[in-house]
Amino acid sequence: ANAILPEGKDYTFWGKGVSQGHSDAVR
């Protein structure tokens, strides 16, 4: 996407899903 649209802005969203690291932190 960056190569094709050099003038732009990136966004990454995660989920909905289980975060194993965060679940471990809660435990």
PDB file of all heavy atoms in Angstrom:
ATOM      1  N   ALA A   1       0.822  -1.210   0.000  1.00  0.00           N
ATOM      2  CA  ALA A   1       0.000   0.000   0.000  1.00  0.00           C
ATOM      3  C   ALA A   1       0.853   1.257   0.000  1.00  0.00           C
ATOM      4  O   ALA A   1       0.538   2.241  -0.684  1.00  0.00           O
ATOM      5  CB  ALA A   1      -0.943  -0.016   1.204  1.00  0.00           C
ATOM      6  N   ASN A   2       1.957   1.249   0.757  1.00  0.00           N
ATOM      7  CA  ASN A   2       2.853   2.409   0.779  1.00  0.00           C
ATOM      8  C   ASN A   2       3.518   2.632  -0.569  1.00  0.00           C
ATOM      9  O   ASN A   2       3.723   3.765  -1.004  1.00  0.00           O
ATOM     10  CB  ASN A   2       3.915   2.234   1.860  1.00  0.00           C
ATOM     11  CG  ASN A   2       3.471   2.739   3.214  1.00  0.00           C
ATOM     12  OD1 ASN A   2       3.827   3.836   3.605  1.00  0.00           O
ATOM     13  ND2 ASN A   2       2.681   1.949   3.922  1.00  0.00           N
ATOM     14  N   ALA A   3       3.906   1.518  -1.226  1.00  0.00           N
ATOM     15  CA  ALA A   3       4.551   1.639  -2.531  1.00  0.00           C
ATOM     16  C   ALA A   3       3.590   2.186  -3.581  1.00  0.00           C
ATOM     17  O   ALA A   3       3.987   2.976  -4.454  1.00  0.00           O
ATOM     18  CB  ALA A   3       5.096   0.279  -2.971  1.00  0.00           C
ATOM     19  N   ILE A   4       2.328   1.793  -3.498  1.00  0.00           N
ATOM     20  CA  ILE A   4       1.339   2.197  -4.497  1.00  0.00           C
ATOM     21  C   ILE A   4       0.810   3.599  -4.232  1.00  0.00           C
ATOM     22  O   ILE A   4       0.589   4.386  -5.161  1.00  0.00           O
ATOM     23  CB  ILE A   4       0.183   1.168  -4.515  1.00  0.00           C
ATOM     24  CG1 ILE A   4       0.698  -0.190  -5.024  1.00  0.00           C
ATOM     25  CG2 ILE A   4      -0.975   1.640  -5.378  1.00  0.00           C
ATOM     26  CD1 ILE A   4      -0.218  -1.350  -4.707  1.00  0.00           C
ATOM     27  N   LEU A   5       0.614   3.932  -2.956  1.00  0.00           N
ATOM     28  CA  LEU A   5       0.101   5.255  -2.582  1.00  0.00           C
ATOM     29  C   LEU A   5       1.113   5.959  -1.677  1.00  0.00           C
ATOM     30  O   LEU A   5       0.964   5.994  -0.448  1.00  0.00           O
ATOM     31  CB  LEU A   5      -1.246   5.116  -1.861  1.00  0.00           C
ATOM     32  CG  LEU A   5      -2.420   4.557  -2.666  1.00  0.00           C
ATOM     33  CD1 LEU A   5      -3.637   4.385  -1.770  1.00  0.00           C
ATOM     34  CD2 LEU A   5      -2.748   5.464  -3.859  1.00  0.00           C
ATOM     35  N   PRO A   6       2.181   6.518  -2.261  1.00  0.00           N
ATOM     36  CA  PRO A   6       3.201   7.158  -1.421  1.00  0.00           C
ATOM     37  C   PRO A   6       2.680   8.368  -0.654  1.00  0.00           C
ATOM     38  O   PRO A   6       3.207   8.711   0.404  1.00  0.00           O
ATOM     39  CB  PRO A   6       4.288   7.562  -2.426  1.00  0.00           C
ATOM     40  CG  PRO A   6       3.630   7.558  -3.759  1.00  0.00           C
ATOM     41  CD  PRO A   6       2.550   6.527  -3.689  1.00  0.00           C
ATOM     42  N   GLU A   7       1.637   9.023  -1.182  1.00  0.00           N
ATOM     43  CA  GLU A   7       0.996  10.123  -0.455  1.00  0.00           C
ATOM     44  C   GLU A   7      -0.201   9.547   0.279  1.00  0.00           C
ATOM     45  O   GLU A   7      -1.261   9.318  -0.317  1.00  0.00           O
ATOM     46  CB  GLU A   7       0.554  11.217  -1.424  1.00  0.00           C
ATOM     47  CG  GLU A   7       1.690  11.956  -2.107  1.00  0.00           C
ATOM     48  CD  GLU A   7       2.476  12.827  -1.142  1.00  0.00           C
ATOM     49  OE1 GLU A   7       1.873  13.295  -0.149  1.00  0.00           O
ATOM     50  OE2 GLU A   7       3.686  13.018  -1.373  1.00  0.00           O
ATOM     51  N   GLY A   8      -0.035   9.256   1.553  1.00  0.00           N
ATOM     52  CA  GLY A   8      -1.145   8.642   2.273  1.00  0.00           C
ATOM     53  C   GLY A   8      -0.840   8.429   3.730  1.00  0.00           C
ATOM     54  O   GLY A   8       0.170   8.904   4.262  1.00  0.00           O
ATOM     55  N   LYS A   9      -1.720   7.657   4.377  1.00  0.00           N
ATOM     56  CA  LYS A   9      -1.618   7.444   5.820  1.00  0.00           C
ATOM     57  C   LYS A   9      -1.991   6.001   6.132  1.00  0.00           C
ATOM     58  O   LYS A   9      -2.950   5.463   5.575  1.00  0.00           O
ATOM     59  CB  LYS A   9      -2.556   8.413   6.542  1.00  0.00           C
ATOM     60  CG  LYS A   9      -2.274   8.618   8.010  1.00  0.00           C
ATOM     61  CD  LYS A   9      -3.153   9.729   8.542  1.00  0.00           C
ATOM     62  CE  LYS A   9      -2.911   9.975  10.031  1.00  0.00           C
ATOM     63  NZ  LYS A   9      -1.560  10.463  10.304  1.00  0.00           N
ATOM     64  N   ASP A  10      -1.194   5.369   7.010  1.00  0.00           N
ATOM     65  CA  ASP A  10      -1.410   3.967   7.393  1.00  0.00           C
ATOM     66  C   ASP A  10      -2.234   3.857   8.668  1.00  0.00           C
ATOM     67  O   ASP A  10      -2.074   4.667   9.597  1.00  0.00           O
ATOM     68  CB  ASP A  10      -0.065   3.267   7.664  1.00  0.00           C
ATOM     69  CG  ASP A  10       0.717   3.018   6.394  1.00  0.00           C
ATOM     70  OD1 ASP A  10       0.117   2.597   5.407  1.00  0.00           O
ATOM     71  OD2 ASP A  10       1.931   3.255   6.406  1.00  0.00           O
ATOM     72  N   TYR A  11      -3.056   2.803   8.717  1.00  0.00           N
ATOM     73  CA  TYR A  11      -3.795   2.468   9.930  1.00  0.00           C
ATOM     74  C   TYR A  11      -3.808   0.955  10.084  1.00  0.00           C
ATOM     75  O   TYR A  11      -4.062   0.225   9.112  1.00  0.00           O
ATOM     76  CB  TYR A  11      -5.245   2.968   9.859  1.00  0.00           C
ATOM     77  CG  TYR A  11      -5.389   4.465   9.721  1.00  0.00           C
ATOM     78  CD1 TYR A  11      -5.425   5.055   8.461  1.00  0.00           C
ATOM     79  CD2 TYR A  11      -5.482   5.279  10.847  1.00  0.00           C
ATOM     80  CE1 TYR A  11      -5.561   6.427   8.320  1.00  0.00           C
ATOM     81  CE2 TYR A  11      -5.621   6.662  10.718  1.00  0.00           C
ATOM     82  CZ  TYR A  11      -5.652   7.229   9.449  1.00  0.00           C
ATOM     83  OH  TYR A  11      -5.786   8.592   9.316  1.00  0.00           O
ATOM     84  N   THR A  12      -3.543   0.480  11.292  1.00  0.00           N
ATOM     85  CA  THR A  12      -3.673  -0.938  11.596  1.00  0.00           C
ATOM     86  C   THR A  12      -4.571  -1.092  12.820  1.00  0.00           C
ATOM     87  O   THR A  12      -4.352  -0.443  13.843  1.00  0.00           O
ATOM     88  CB  THR A  12      -2.307  -1.591  11.866  1.00  0.00           C
ATOM     89  OG1 THR A  12      -1.462  -1.423  10.721  1.00  0.00           O
ATOM     90  CG2 THR A  12      -2.466  -3.081  12.139  1.00  0.00           C
ATOM     91  N   PHE A  13      -5.587  -1.937  12.680  1.00  0.00           N
ATOM     92  CA  PHE A  13      -6.477  -2.265  13.798  1.00  0.00           C
ATOM     93  C   PHE A  13      -6.390  -3.769  14.046  1.00  0.00           C
ATOM     94  O   PHE A  13      -6.401  -4.560  13.101  1.00  0.00           O
ATOM     95  CB  PHE A  13      -7.930  -1.906  13.468  1.00  0.00           C
ATOM     96  CG  PHE A  13      -8.197  -0.432  13.325  1.00  0.00           C
ATOM     97  CD1 PHE A  13      -7.995   0.207  12.110  1.00  0.00           C
ATOM     98  CD2 PHE A  13      -8.654   0.312  14.399  1.00  0.00           C
ATOM     99  CE1 PHE A  13      -8.245   1.567  11.967  1.00  0.00           C
ATOM    100  CE2 PHE A  13      -8.910   1.673  14.271  1.00  0.00           C
ATOM    101  CZ  PHE A  13      -8.698   2.302  13.045  1.00  0.00           C
ATOM    102  N   TRP A  14      -6.316  -4.145  15.319  1.00  0.00           N
ATOM    103  CA  TRP A  14      -6.279  -5.568  15.678  1.00  0.00           C
ATOM    104  C   TRP A  14      -7.579  -5.948  16.384  1.00  0.00           C
ATOM    105  O   TRP A  14      -8.079  -5.226  17.227  1.00  0.00           O
ATOM    106  CB  TRP A  14      -5.097  -5.859  16.600  1.00  0.00           C
ATOM    107  CG  TRP A  14      -3.776  -5.600  15.957  1.00  0.00           C
ATOM    108  CD1 TRP A  14      -3.069  -6.428  15.127  1.00  0.00           C
ATOM    109  CD2 TRP A  14      -2.977  -4.420  16.088  1.00  0.00           C
ATOM    110  NE1 TRP A  14      -1.898  -5.833  14.723  1.00  0.00           N
ATOM    111  CE2 TRP A  14      -1.815  -4.602  15.303  1.00  0.00           C
ATOM    112  CE3 TRP A  14      -3.134  -3.218  16.777  1.00  0.00           C
ATOM    113  CZ2 TRP A  14      -0.817  -3.640  15.195  1.00  0.00           C
ATOM    114  CZ3 TRP A  14      -2.145  -2.251  16.679  1.00  0.00           C
ATOM    115  CH2 TRP A  14      -1.010  -2.472  15.893  1.00  0.00           C
ATOM    116  N   GLY A  15      -8.106  -7.131  16.036  1.00  0.00           N
ATOM    117  CA  GLY A  15      -9.280  -7.638  16.723  1.00  0.00           C
ATOM    118  C   GLY A  15     -10.501  -7.637  15.798  1.00  0.00           C
ATOM    119  O   GLY A  15     -10.395  -7.294  14.628  1.00  0.00           O
ATOM    120  N   LYS A  16     -11.643  -8.055  16.321  1.00  0.00           N
ATOM    121  CA  LYS A  16     -11.808  -8.521  17.688  1.00  0.00           C
ATOM    122  C   LYS A  16     -11.141  -9.875  17.860  1.00  0.00           C
ATOM    123  O   LYS A  16     -11.341 -10.773  17.048  1.00  0.00           O
ATOM    124  CB  LYS A  16     -13.294  -8.627  18.043  1.00  0.00           C
ATOM    125  CG  LYS A  16     -13.539  -9.086  19.455  1.00  0.00           C
ATOM    126  CD  LYS A  16     -15.038  -9.191  19.768  1.00  0.00           C
ATOM    127  CE  LYS A  16     -15.223  -9.679  21.210  1.00  0.00           C
ATOM    128  NZ  LYS A  16     -16.661  -9.810  21.540  1.00  0.00           N
ATOM    129  N   GLY A  17     -10.350  -9.998  18.934  1.00  0.00           N
ATOM    130  CA  GLY A  17      -9.712 -11.275  19.154  1.00  0.00           C
ATOM    131  C   GLY A  17      -9.009 -11.350  20.492  1.00  0.00           C
ATOM    132  O   GLY A  17      -8.843 -10.351  21.203  1.00  0.00           O
ATOM    133  N   VAL A  18      -8.596 -12.574  20.809  1.00  0.00           N
ATOM    134  CA  VAL A  18      -7.919 -12.842  22.071  1.00  0.00           C
ATOM    135  C   VAL A  18      -6.456 -12.434  21.953  1.00  0.00           C
ATOM    136  O   VAL A  18      -5.746 -12.890  21.054  1.00  0.00           O
ATOM    137  CB  VAL A  18      -8.014 -14.333  22.439  1.00  0.00           C
ATOM    138  CG1 VAL A  18      -7.161 -14.635  23.677  1.00  0.00           C
ATOM    139  CG2 VAL A  18      -9.461 -14.732  22.682  1.00  0.00           C
ATOM    140  N   SER A  19      -6.014 -11.561  22.841  1.00  0.00           N
ATOM    141  CA  SER A  19      -4.591 -11.253  22.960  1.00  0.00           C
ATOM    142  C   SER A  19      -4.003 -12.189  24.005  1.00  0.00           C
ATOM    143  O   SER A  19      -4.325 -12.088  25.198  1.00  0.00           O
ATOM    144  CB  SER A  19      -4.382  -9.801  23.385  1.00  0.00           C
ATOM    145  OG  SER A  19      -3.022  -9.591  23.725  1.00  0.00           O
ATOM    146  N   GLN A  20      -3.138 -13.112  23.558  1.00  0.00           N
ATOM    147  CA  GLN A  20      -2.596 -14.097  24.493  1.00  0.00           C
ATOM    148  C   GLN A  20      -1.675 -13.451  25.513  1.00  0.00           C
ATOM    149  O   GLN A  20      -1.648 -13.831  26.676  1.00  0.00           O
ATOM    150  CB  GLN A  20      -1.897 -15.206  23.710  1.00  0.00           C
ATOM    151  CG  GLN A  20      -2.866 -15.985  22.827  1.00  0.00           C
ATOM    152  CD  GLN A  20      -2.217 -17.107  22.060  1.00  0.00           C
ATOM    153  OE1 GLN A  20      -1.990 -18.186  22.588  1.00  0.00           O
ATOM    154  NE2 GLN A  20      -1.909 -16.860  20.784  1.00  0.00           N
ATOM    155  N   GLY A  21      -0.901 -12.444  25.078  1.00  0.00           N
ATOM    156  CA  GLY A  21      -0.007 -11.761  26.004  1.00  0.00           C
ATOM    157  C   GLY A  21      -0.746 -10.980  27.067  1.00  0.00           C
ATOM    158  O   GLY A  21      -0.390 -11.009  28.248  1.00  0.00           O
ATOM    159  N   HIS A  22      -1.805 -10.272  26.655  1.00  0.00           N
ATOM    160  CA  HIS A  22      -2.583  -9.501  27.618  1.00  0.00           C
ATOM    161  C   HIS A  22      -3.381 -10.426  28.538  1.00  0.00           C
ATOM    162  O   HIS A  22      -3.561 -10.122  29.722  1.00  0.00           O
ATOM    163  CB  HIS A  22      -3.519  -8.540  26.886  1.00  0.00           C
ATOM    164  CG  HIS A  22      -2.823  -7.337  26.341  1.00  0.00           C
ATOM    165  ND1 HIS A  22      -1.957  -7.399  25.278  1.00  0.00           N
ATOM    166  CD2 HIS A  22      -2.856  -6.032  26.726  1.00  0.00           C
ATOM    167  CE1 HIS A  22      -1.493  -6.188  25.022  1.00  0.00           C
ATOM    168  NE2 HIS A  22      -2.016  -5.347  25.888  1.00  0.00           N
ATOM    169  N   SER A  23      -3.867 -11.556  27.998  1.00  0.00           N
ATOM    170  CA  SER A  23      -4.566 -12.517  28.850  1.00  0.00           C
ATOM    171  C   SER A  23      -3.635 -13.051  29.926  1.00  0.00           C
ATOM    172  O   SER A  23      -4.018 -13.194  31.097  1.00  0.00           O
ATOM    173  CB  SER A  23      -5.104 -13.679  27.995  1.00  0.00           C
ATOM    174  OG  SER A  23      -6.054 -13.239  27.057  1.00  0.00           O
ATOM    175  N   ASP A  24      -2.390 -13.317  29.529  1.00  0.00           N
ATOM    176  CA  ASP A  24      -1.405 -13.802  30.491  1.00  0.00           C
ATOM    177  C   ASP A  24      -1.124 -12.747  31.562  1.00  0.00           C
ATOM    178  O   ASP A  24      -0.985 -13.071  32.748  1.00  0.00           O
ATOM    179  CB  ASP A  24      -0.110 -14.175  29.765  1.00  0.00           C
ATOM    180  CG  ASP A  24       0.933 -14.753  30.711  1.00  0.00           C
ATOM    181  OD1 ASP A  24       0.680 -15.813  31.297  1.00  0.00           O
ATOM    182  OD2 ASP A  24       2.009 -14.130  30.871  1.00  0.00           O
ATOM    183  N   ALA A  25      -1.068 -11.478  31.148  1.00  0.00           N
ATOM    184  CA  ALA A  25      -0.831 -10.397  32.111  1.00  0.00           C
ATOM    185  C   ALA A  25      -1.958 -10.322  33.140  1.00  0.00           C
ATOM    186  O   ALA A  25      -1.719 -10.109  34.337  1.00  0.00           O
ATOM    187  CB  ALA A  25      -0.702  -9.065  31.375  1.00  0.00           C
ATOM    188  N   VAL A  26      -3.199 -10.512  32.697  1.00  0.00           N
ATOM    189  CA  VAL A  26      -4.337 -10.501  33.631  1.00  0.00           C
ATOM    190  C   VAL A  26      -4.248 -11.692  34.579  1.00  0.00           C
ATOM    191  O   VAL A  26      -4.495 -11.565  35.790  1.00  0.00           O
ATOM    192  CB  VAL A  26      -5.673 -10.508  32.871  1.00  0.00           C
ATOM    193  CG1 VAL A  26      -6.846 -10.614  33.854  1.00  0.00           C
ATOM    194  CG2 VAL A  26      -5.821  -9.256  32.023  1.00  0.00           C
ATOM    195  N   ARG A  27      -3.877 -12.860  34.055  1.00  0.00           N
ATOM    196  CA  ARG A  27      -3.791 -14.056  34.899  1.00  0.00           C
ATOM    197  C   ARG A  27      -2.736 -13.919  35.996  1.00  0.00           C
ATOM    198  O   ARG A  27      -2.796 -14.619  37.008  1.00  0.00           O
ATOM    199  CB  ARG A  27      -3.512 -15.286  34.037  1.00  0.00           C
ATOM    200  CG  ARG A  27      -4.716 -15.754  33.225  1.00  0.00           C
ATOM    201  CD  ARG A  27      -4.504 -17.123  32.615  1.00  0.00           C
ATOM    202  NE  ARG A  27      -3.538 -17.107  31.533  1.00  0.00           N
ATOM    203  CZ  ARG A  27      -3.852 -16.936  30.252  1.00  0.00           C
ATOM    204  NH1 ARG A  27      -5.110 -16.760  29.896  1.00  0.00           N
ATOM    205  NH2 ARG A  27      -2.915 -16.950  29.324  1.00  0.00           N
TER     206      ARG A  27
END
